[in-house]
Amino acid sequence: MNNGAQDKRCEIWAIGGGKGGTGKSFVTSSIGMHLASKGHKVVLIDADLGGANLHTLLGVSKPRNSLTDFFEKKASLNDIIVNCGIPDIGLVSGTLSSLDSENIKYAQKLKLFRQIKAIDTDYILIDLGAGSHNNTIDTFLLADKMIVVTLPEITALENMYHFIKNGFFRKLKIILGAHGLKDVIQDVWKNRDAHGIKHLKDVVEHLMGTSVHIRDIIEDELASFRIHIVLNQVRSGREIMIGASVKSVCLKFLGFDAQYAGHIEYDDAVLRCINKRLPFMLTHPFSHVAKEISKLTENLRDGRQITVTADKYAYANRRL
């Protein structure tokens, strides 16, 4: 998988969510294996600096070279893509060192983004670390598909909402900053109480009301802003409904319609595979989990989402 001219630019998918332990690496590796099984070339990038584990989900030992070599200027990004033993999947390993994403310099970040976009492949999946730091958020916003993985539990959902909110606000600042209007949004946010602003949706509405120019900028730039939700480790039909609730929260408080790409049921076999360093999608290809991952991946590819109806809720309760 070498750099080179491409007839078609690769698609970049970023998988985040804010909280650690929600299964982002499992979802990333599983989506990658499904895409590869359909004949697509895939590169997985473990962007968890300090807690890299994507190689474990693929069933391989920690590669000798990692993003540390890239940031220390010992190798290009393309040089550290390794074959993980699964056809059509390459891996850029993260680092287990104390390298902190907040210590990455702006120039390093731009270089990383340029080289990510230059990789000759069909899909690039970026497994983000926990947290909502600017560098993590900026990498998330780089993607063509922005995917959040969460669990049906309150702390994970709160962290996911915080992550989405930070990403959306960061996007607004980047949009307006690119047009020399960075001070406008900072002033509105600083004086939000005076403007009667309670939520980010109010910020957007206030900004769009300040001038036709700003309204046109925001409408144009945010027209394609999509967050795709994946709910992991669900145990009941009631928990499946949480994805629809997240959509409602995003629309009510942030002002955009998130997409519910799909859910993955809880299965003890997933943890057993991780502990044994076995790629789940290869060892359990006909399981409910594998089928759900395949379905949500195709939803992501095609821009579709699931609709949770009363019938589906009842069916899910019977099966789960």
Protein backbone atom coordinates (compact mmCIF):
# COMPACT_ATOMS: atom_id res chain seq x y z
CA MET A 1 0.00 0.00 0.00
CA ASN A 2 2.16 2.78 -1.30
CA ASN A 3 1.70 6.46 -1.86
CA GLY A 4 0.77 7.33 -5.40
CA ALA A 5 -1.71 8.90 -7.74
CA GLN A 6 -5.25 7.73 -7.15
CA ASP A 7 -8.17 7.63 -9.53
CA LYS A 8 -10.46 7.81 -6.54
CA ARG A 9 -9.64 9.37 -3.20
CA CYS A 10 -9.88 7.02 -0.25
CA GLU A 11 -12.59 7.46 2.35
CA ILE A 12 -11.47 8.34 5.85
CA TRP A 13 -13.58 7.12 8.76
CA ALA A 14 -12.78 8.22 12.33
CA ILE A 15 -14.10 6.29 15.31
CA GLY A 16 -14.28 8.21 18.59
CA GLY A 17 -16.59 8.76 21.50
CA GLY A 18 -14.81 10.40 24.41
CA LYS A 19 -14.82 7.61 26.99
CA GLY A 20 -12.39 4.72 27.11
CA GLY A 21 -13.68 1.16 27.29
CA THR A 22 -16.66 1.54 24.96
CA GLY A 23 -15.26 -0.84 22.34
CA LYS A 24 -13.97 1.67 19.79
CA SER A 25 -11.01 -0.53 18.86
CA PHE A 26 -13.24 -3.59 18.53
CA VAL A 27 -15.65 -1.70 16.30
CA THR A 28 -12.80 -0.23 14.22
CA SER A 29 -11.11 -3.58 13.63
CA SER A 30 -14.42 -5.32 12.92
CA ILE A 31 -15.56 -2.70 10.41
CA GLY A 32 -12.16 -2.98 8.75
CA MET A 33 -12.45 -6.75 8.46
CA HIS A 34 -15.93 -6.50 6.96
CA LEU A 35 -14.76 -3.97 4.35
CA ALA A 36 -11.75 -6.14 3.50
CA SER A 37 -14.01 -9.18 3.12
CA LYS A 38 -15.85 -7.26 0.39
CA GLY A 39 -12.65 -6.75 -1.58
CA HIS A 40 -11.71 -3.28 -0.36
CA LYS A 41 -8.20 -2.28 0.67
CA VAL A 42 -8.20 -0.96 4.22
CA VAL A 43 -5.63 0.75 6.44
CA LEU A 44 -6.32 0.92 10.18
CA ILE A 45 -4.61 3.69 12.15
CA ASP A 46 -4.36 3.34 15.92
CA ALA A 47 -4.37 6.96 17.04
CA ASP A 48 -4.60 6.10 20.73
CA LEU A 49 -1.35 7.61 21.94
CA GLY A 50 -0.27 5.86 25.12
CA GLY A 51 -2.86 3.09 25.04
CA ALA A 52 -2.56 1.41 21.66
CA ASN A 53 -4.35 -1.94 21.42
CA LEU A 54 -5.69 -2.22 17.88
CA HIS A 55 -3.03 -4.80 17.01
CA THR A 56 -4.42 -7.07 19.74
CA LEU A 57 -7.88 -7.02 18.15
CA LEU A 58 -6.29 -8.09 14.86
CA GLY A 59 -4.49 -10.99 16.52
CA VAL A 60 -0.93 -9.76 16.02
CA SER A 61 1.94 -8.74 18.30
CA LYS A 62 2.82 -5.09 18.75
CA PRO A 63 4.57 -3.94 15.55
CA ARG A 64 8.14 -2.74 15.92
CA ASN A 65 7.39 0.61 14.28
CA SER A 66 4.59 2.91 15.35
CA LEU A 67 3.34 6.50 15.25
CA THR A 68 6.16 7.32 17.64
CA ASP A 69 8.59 6.83 14.75
CA PHE A 70 6.52 9.20 12.62
CA PHE A 71 6.38 11.94 15.26
CA GLU A 72 10.10 11.55 15.98
CA LYS A 73 10.80 11.91 12.23
CA LYS A 74 12.29 8.43 11.93
CA ALA A 75 9.81 7.29 9.27
CA SER A 76 6.98 8.46 7.05
CA LEU A 77 3.45 7.30 7.76
CA ASN A 78 3.52 5.05 4.72
CA ASP A 79 6.75 3.43 5.98
CA ILE A 80 5.09 2.20 9.18
CA ILE A 81 2.06 0.53 7.58
CA VAL A 82 2.48 -3.18 8.32
CA ASN A 83 0.74 -6.28 7.04
CA CYS A 84 -1.31 -7.73 9.90
CA GLY A 85 -1.84 -11.12 8.30
CA ILE A 86 -5.42 -10.43 7.22
CA PRO A 87 -5.82 -9.96 3.45
CA ASP A 88 -6.18 -6.33 2.30
CA ILE A 89 -5.71 -4.85 5.79
CA GLY A 90 -2.71 -2.73 6.75
CA LEU A 91 -2.04 -1.39 10.24
CA VAL A 92 -0.41 1.76 11.56
CA SER A 93 0.23 1.00 15.20
CA GLY A 94 -0.22 3.53 17.96
CA THR A 95 2.22 3.97 20.79
CA LEU A 96 2.36 2.53 24.28
CA SER A 97 4.76 5.28 25.35
CA SER A 98 3.90 8.35 27.38
CA LEU A 99 3.45 10.45 24.24
CA ASP A 100 0.44 12.69 24.87
CA SER A 101 -1.80 13.81 22.02
CA GLU A 102 -1.84 17.29 23.51
CA ASN A 103 1.94 17.51 23.09
CA ILE A 104 1.73 17.04 19.33
CA LYS A 105 2.70 20.26 17.61
CA TYR A 106 0.49 21.93 15.02
CA ALA A 107 3.01 21.34 12.23
CA GLN A 108 3.21 17.64 13.15
CA LYS A 109 -0.57 17.39 13.05
CA LEU A 110 -0.76 18.96 9.60
CA LYS A 111 1.96 16.63 8.33
CA LEU A 112 0.08 13.63 9.73
CA PHE A 113 -3.16 14.73 8.09
CA ARG A 114 -1.44 15.24 4.72
CA GLN A 115 0.14 11.81 4.83
CA ILE A 116 -3.09 10.12 5.94
CA LYS A 117 -4.86 11.56 2.88
CA ALA A 118 -2.01 10.37 0.62
CA ILE A 119 -2.22 6.68 1.55
CA ASP A 120 -3.13 4.57 -1.48
CA THR A 121 -6.07 2.51 -0.24
CA ASP A 122 -9.86 2.41 -0.37
CA TYR A 123 -10.66 3.06 3.28
CA ILE A 124 -8.72 4.50 6.20
CA LEU A 125 -10.17 3.83 9.65
CA ILE A 126 -8.77 5.93 12.50
CA ASP A 127 -9.23 4.53 16.00
CA LEU A 128 -9.14 7.56 18.30
CA GLY A 129 -8.12 7.51 21.93
CA ALA A 130 -10.29 8.55 24.85
CA GLY A 131 -10.88 12.20 25.69
CA SER A 132 -11.96 15.36 23.89
CA HIS A 133 -8.64 17.14 23.42
CA ASN A 134 -8.31 19.45 20.43
CA ASN A 135 -5.94 17.13 18.57
CA THR A 136 -8.33 14.21 19.01
CA ILE A 137 -11.28 16.33 17.91
CA ASP A 138 -9.38 17.74 14.92
CA THR A 139 -8.53 14.22 13.75
CA PHE A 140 -12.19 13.28 14.15
CA LEU A 141 -13.28 16.29 12.07
CA LEU A 142 -10.78 15.36 9.35
CA ALA A 143 -12.83 12.29 8.47
CA ASP A 144 -15.41 11.80 5.75
CA LYS A 145 -17.38 9.65 8.20
CA MET A 146 -17.42 10.69 11.86
CA ILE A 147 -18.48 7.72 13.99
CA VAL A 148 -19.07 7.70 17.74
CA VAL A 149 -19.18 4.46 19.71
CA THR A 150 -20.88 4.40 23.07
CA LEU A 151 -22.43 2.03 25.59
CA PRO A 152 -26.00 2.07 26.95
CA GLU A 153 -24.84 3.41 30.32
CA ILE A 154 -25.02 6.92 31.72
CA THR A 155 -21.29 7.71 32.04
CA ALA A 156 -20.55 6.58 28.49
CA LEU A 157 -23.52 8.51 27.12
CA GLU A 158 -22.52 11.67 28.98
CA ASN A 159 -18.95 11.41 27.69
CA MET A 160 -20.21 10.77 24.16
CA TYR A 161 -22.45 13.87 24.27
CA HIS A 162 -19.55 15.94 25.60
CA PHE A 163 -17.37 14.63 22.77
CA ILE A 164 -19.98 15.42 20.11
CA LYS A 165 -20.64 18.88 21.56
CA ASN A 166 -16.93 19.71 21.64
CA GLY A 167 -16.56 18.49 18.08
CA PHE A 168 -19.49 20.55 16.86
CA PHE A 169 -18.28 23.71 18.60
CA ARG A 170 -14.75 23.13 17.29
CA LYS A 171 -16.20 22.78 13.78
CA LEU A 172 -18.02 26.10 14.15
CA LYS A 173 -14.83 27.84 15.25
CA ILE A 174 -12.86 26.34 12.36
CA ILE A 175 -15.54 27.35 9.85
CA LEU A 176 -15.77 30.95 11.01
CA GLY A 177 -12.02 31.21 11.64
CA ALA A 178 -11.36 30.30 8.02
CA HIS A 179 -13.40 33.36 7.02
CA GLY A 180 -11.71 35.68 9.50
CA LEU A 181 -14.66 35.53 11.90
CA LYS A 182 -13.09 33.70 14.84
CA ASP A 183 -13.68 36.65 17.18
CA VAL A 184 -17.40 36.63 16.37
CA ILE A 185 -18.10 33.18 17.77
CA GLN A 186 -15.80 33.73 20.76
CA ASP A 187 -17.66 36.94 21.61
CA VAL A 188 -21.05 35.26 21.30
CA TRP A 189 -19.98 32.38 23.55
CA LYS A 190 -18.34 34.69 26.09
CA ASN A 191 -21.53 36.75 26.35
CA ARG A 192 -23.96 33.85 25.99
CA ASP A 193 -25.91 34.76 29.13
CA ALA A 194 -26.59 38.24 27.79
CA HIS A 195 -27.75 36.74 24.50
CA GLY A 196 -30.02 34.22 26.26
CA ILE A 197 -27.99 31.31 24.93
CA LYS A 198 -28.31 27.98 26.76
CA HIS A 199 -27.27 25.43 24.15
CA LEU A 200 -25.06 25.23 21.06
CA LYS A 201 -28.18 25.20 18.93
CA ASP A 202 -28.87 28.70 20.29
CA VAL A 203 -25.33 29.76 19.34
CA VAL A 204 -25.87 28.67 15.74
CA GLU A 205 -29.24 30.40 15.53
CA HIS A 206 -27.80 33.60 17.02
CA LEU A 207 -24.83 33.60 14.63
CA MET A 208 -27.04 32.98 11.62
CA GLY A 209 -29.16 35.93 12.64
CA THR A 210 -26.25 38.36 12.78
CA SER A 211 -25.74 38.62 9.01
CA VAL A 212 -26.66 36.97 5.72
CA HIS A 213 -22.95 36.38 5.10
CA ILE A 214 -22.47 34.37 8.30
CA ARG A 215 -25.74 32.51 7.75
CA ASP A 216 -24.63 31.45 4.26
CA ILE A 217 -21.23 30.29 5.56
CA ILE A 218 -22.74 28.19 8.34
CA GLU A 219 -25.49 26.70 6.17
CA ASP A 220 -23.02 25.78 3.44
CA GLU A 221 -20.39 24.27 5.73
CA LEU A 222 -22.74 22.40 8.05
CA ALA A 223 -24.93 20.95 5.31
CA SER A 224 -22.76 17.83 5.21
CA PHE A 225 -21.99 17.61 8.94
CA ARG A 226 -23.01 14.12 10.05
CA ILE A 227 -22.34 12.18 13.22
CA HIS A 228 -22.95 8.43 12.99
CA ILE A 229 -23.88 6.62 16.22
CA VAL A 230 -22.95 3.04 17.03
CA LEU A 231 -24.38 1.62 20.26
CA ASN A 232 -22.23 -1.22 21.58
CA GLN A 233 -22.97 -4.05 24.02
CA VAL A 234 -26.75 -3.71 24.08
CA ARG A 235 -28.64 -6.30 26.13
CA SER A 236 -32.29 -5.44 25.49
CA GLY A 237 -34.68 -3.81 23.09
CA ARG A 238 -35.01 -0.93 25.54
CA GLU A 239 -31.28 -0.26 25.24
CA ILE A 240 -31.51 -0.33 21.44
CA MET A 241 -33.93 2.61 21.74
CA ILE A 242 -31.16 4.71 23.35
CA GLY A 243 -29.67 5.33 19.90
CA ALA A 244 -32.89 7.05 18.86
CA SER A 245 -32.77 9.11 22.07
CA VAL A 246 -29.24 10.28 21.24
CA LYS A 247 -30.51 11.46 17.85
CA SER A 248 -33.24 13.47 19.57
CA VAL A 249 -30.77 15.06 22.02
CA CYS A 250 -28.44 16.14 19.19
CA LEU A 251 -31.31 17.71 17.29
CA LYS A 252 -32.78 19.46 20.34
CA PHE A 253 -29.61 20.86 21.91
CA LEU A 254 -27.09 21.00 19.05
CA GLY A 255 -29.37 21.57 16.09
CA PHE A 256 -28.26 18.79 13.75
CA ASP A 257 -29.62 15.35 12.95
CA ALA A 258 -27.24 12.56 13.96
CA GLN A 259 -27.59 9.19 12.25
CA TYR A 260 -28.11 5.92 14.14
CA ALA A 261 -25.91 3.58 12.08
CA GLY A 262 -26.62 0.52 14.18
CA HIS A 263 -26.16 -1.43 17.39
CA ILE A 264 -24.10 -4.41 18.52
CA GLU A 265 -25.45 -6.81 21.11
CA TYR A 266 -23.45 -7.95 24.12
CA ASP A 267 -21.68 -11.29 23.63
CA ASP A 268 -19.18 -12.92 26.01
CA ALA A 269 -17.43 -14.39 22.97
CA VAL A 270 -16.08 -10.94 22.08
CA LEU A 271 -14.06 -10.66 25.29
CA ARG A 272 -12.88 -14.25 24.99
CA CYS A 273 -11.55 -13.52 21.50
CA ILE A 274 -9.80 -10.35 22.67
CA ASN A 275 -8.11 -12.20 25.53
CA LYS A 276 -6.96 -14.90 23.11
CA ARG A 277 -5.85 -12.35 20.45
CA LEU A 278 -8.31 -13.79 17.96
CA PRO A 279 -10.05 -11.52 15.38
CA PHE A 280 -13.73 -11.92 16.23
CA MET A 281 -15.06 -11.39 12.70
CA LEU A 282 -12.88 -14.24 11.43
CA THR A 283 -13.62 -16.70 14.23
CA HIS A 284 -17.35 -15.94 14.59
CA PRO A 285 -18.46 -14.86 11.08
CA PHE A 286 -22.04 -16.14 11.47
CA SER A 287 -22.73 -14.74 14.95
CA HIS A 288 -25.38 -12.10 15.64
CA VAL A 289 -22.59 -9.65 16.49
CA ALA A 290 -20.83 -10.21 13.16
CA LYS A 291 -24.10 -9.77 11.28
CA GLU A 292 -24.87 -6.55 13.16
CA ILE A 293 -21.39 -5.18 12.42
CA SER A 294 -21.76 -6.07 8.74
CA LYS A 295 -25.14 -4.33 8.61
CA LEU A 296 -24.00 -1.15 10.34
CA THR A 297 -20.89 -1.01 8.13
CA GLU A 298 -23.06 -1.16 5.01
CA ASN A 299 -25.28 1.53 6.55
CA LEU A 300 -22.20 3.71 7.01
CA ARG A 301 -21.05 3.08 3.44
CA ASP A 302 -24.44 3.92 1.96
CA GLY A 303 -25.39 6.76 4.30
CA ARG A 304 -28.31 4.82 5.76
CA GLN A 305 -29.46 4.52 9.34
CA ILE A 306 -31.71 2.20 11.28
CA THR A 307 -35.19 3.19 12.36
CA VAL A 308 -36.31 1.73 15.66
CA THR A 309 -40.01 0.93 15.47
CA ALA A 310 -42.32 -0.63 18.04
CA ASP A 311 -42.18 -3.93 16.13
CA LYS A 312 -38.38 -3.92 16.08
CA TYR A 313 -38.31 -3.04 19.77
CA ALA A 314 -40.57 -6.00 20.58
CA TYR A 315 -38.55 -8.34 18.34
CA ALA A 316 -35.27 -7.25 19.89
CA ASN A 317 -36.66 -7.84 23.37
CA ARG A 318 -37.64 -11.38 22.41
CA ARG A 319 -34.24 -12.19 20.90
CA LEU A 320 -31.97 -10.44 23.38
